[in-house]
Amino acid sequence: KKFKEKKGFDLEDFREQLGQMQNMGGMMGMLDKLPGMSQLPSDVKDKVDDKMFKQMEAIISSMTMKERQRPEIIKGSRKKRIAAGSGVQVQ
């Protein structure tokens, strides 16, 4: 419904989805809810790391609402500010 009201899916929507995934127990929590996935070997489960998702959420949270809605405006100094605010380096 929200997608139809707006012009599309933006980074704010993605950030909300990441938050909902964290509320469900992260990636491993979601995988455990899928049939057959609870029997995954422990070495495979150990490779599932929610750090990447938390980092993505931190990066998106460091953006202004305008940047989340229109990421194409993110250039030079904005990238540096977002990276500094989220604890990552500009790539």
Protein backbone atom coordinates (compact mmCIF):
# COMPACT_ATOMS: atom_id res chain seq x y z
CA LYS A 1 0.00 0.00 0.00
CA LYS A 2 2.72 2.45 0.98
CA PHE A 3 4.56 1.67 -2.26
CA LYS A 4 1.53 2.69 -4.33
CA GLU A 5 1.08 5.94 -2.39
CA LYS A 6 4.67 6.95 -3.06
CA LYS A 7 6.64 7.05 -6.27
CA GLY A 8 8.68 4.00 -5.30
CA PHE A 9 10.80 2.25 -2.74
CA ASP A 10 13.43 4.52 -1.17
CA LEU A 11 16.17 4.11 1.42
CA GLU A 12 13.79 5.14 4.21
CA ASP A 13 11.59 2.17 3.28
CA PHE A 14 14.66 -0.07 3.21
CA ARG A 15 15.75 1.18 6.65
CA GLU A 16 12.31 0.33 8.03
CA GLN A 17 12.57 -3.16 6.52
CA LEU A 18 16.00 -3.64 8.14
CA GLY A 19 14.51 -2.61 11.49
CA GLN A 20 11.65 -5.07 11.11
CA MET A 21 14.13 -7.81 10.26
CA GLN A 22 16.10 -7.01 13.44
CA ASN A 23 12.85 -7.17 15.45
CA MET A 24 12.30 -10.68 14.09
CA GLY A 25 15.67 -11.81 15.43
CA GLY A 26 17.92 -10.71 12.58
CA MET A 27 18.80 -12.82 9.56
CA MET A 28 19.23 -15.99 11.61
CA GLY A 29 15.86 -15.46 13.26
CA MET A 30 14.23 -15.15 9.86
CA LEU A 31 16.05 -18.20 8.50
CA ASP A 32 14.94 -20.27 11.51
CA LYS A 33 11.32 -19.49 10.60
CA LEU A 34 11.72 -21.04 7.13
CA PRO A 35 10.91 -24.75 6.79
CA GLY A 36 14.02 -26.91 6.95
CA MET A 37 16.38 -24.07 7.77
CA SER A 38 16.55 -24.86 11.47
CA GLN A 39 18.50 -28.01 10.54
CA LEU A 40 21.33 -26.02 8.93
CA PRO A 41 24.76 -27.16 10.09
CA SER A 42 26.26 -24.95 12.78
CA ASP A 43 29.21 -23.93 10.56
CA VAL A 44 26.73 -22.49 8.05
CA LYS A 45 24.80 -20.72 10.82
CA ASP A 46 28.04 -19.22 12.13
CA LYS A 47 28.58 -17.51 8.77
CA VAL A 48 25.31 -15.60 9.06
CA ASP A 49 26.35 -12.22 10.43
CA ASP A 50 23.91 -9.42 11.24
CA LYS A 51 26.75 -6.88 11.57
CA MET A 52 26.46 -5.99 7.88
CA PHE A 53 22.76 -5.18 8.29
CA LYS A 54 23.41 -3.06 11.37
CA GLN A 55 26.11 -1.20 9.45
CA MET A 56 23.73 -0.56 6.54
CA GLU A 57 21.14 0.74 8.98
CA ALA A 58 23.75 3.06 10.56
CA ILE A 59 24.75 4.40 7.14
CA ILE A 60 21.14 5.07 6.12
CA SER A 61 20.37 6.63 9.52
CA SER A 62 23.28 9.04 9.00
CA MET A 63 21.59 10.40 5.87
CA THR A 64 19.10 13.23 5.80
CA MET A 65 15.53 12.42 4.78
CA LYS A 66 16.19 14.11 1.43
CA GLU A 67 19.23 11.88 0.86
CA ARG A 68 17.21 8.79 1.75
CA GLN A 69 14.53 9.77 -0.73
CA ARG A 70 16.95 10.79 -3.49
CA PRO A 71 20.30 8.97 -3.04
CA GLU A 72 21.52 10.26 -6.40
CA ILE A 73 22.25 13.62 -4.72
CA ILE A 74 24.89 12.03 -2.47
CA LYS A 75 28.27 13.22 -3.70
CA GLY A 76 31.68 14.11 -2.20
CA SER A 77 31.14 16.00 1.05
CA ARG A 78 27.83 14.27 1.75
CA LYS A 79 29.54 10.88 1.43
CA LYS A 80 32.22 11.98 3.90
CA ARG A 81 29.61 13.22 6.40
CA ILE A 82 27.55 10.04 6.12
CA ALA A 83 30.65 7.85 6.49
CA ALA A 84 31.83 9.79 9.54
CA GLY A 85 28.38 9.61 11.12
CA SER A 86 28.10 5.86 10.62
CA GLY A 87 31.66 4.87 11.47
CA VAL A 88 32.67 3.61 8.03
CA GLN A 89 35.09 4.79 5.36
CA VAL A 90 34.13 6.24 1.99
CA GLN A 91 34.65 3.62 -0.71
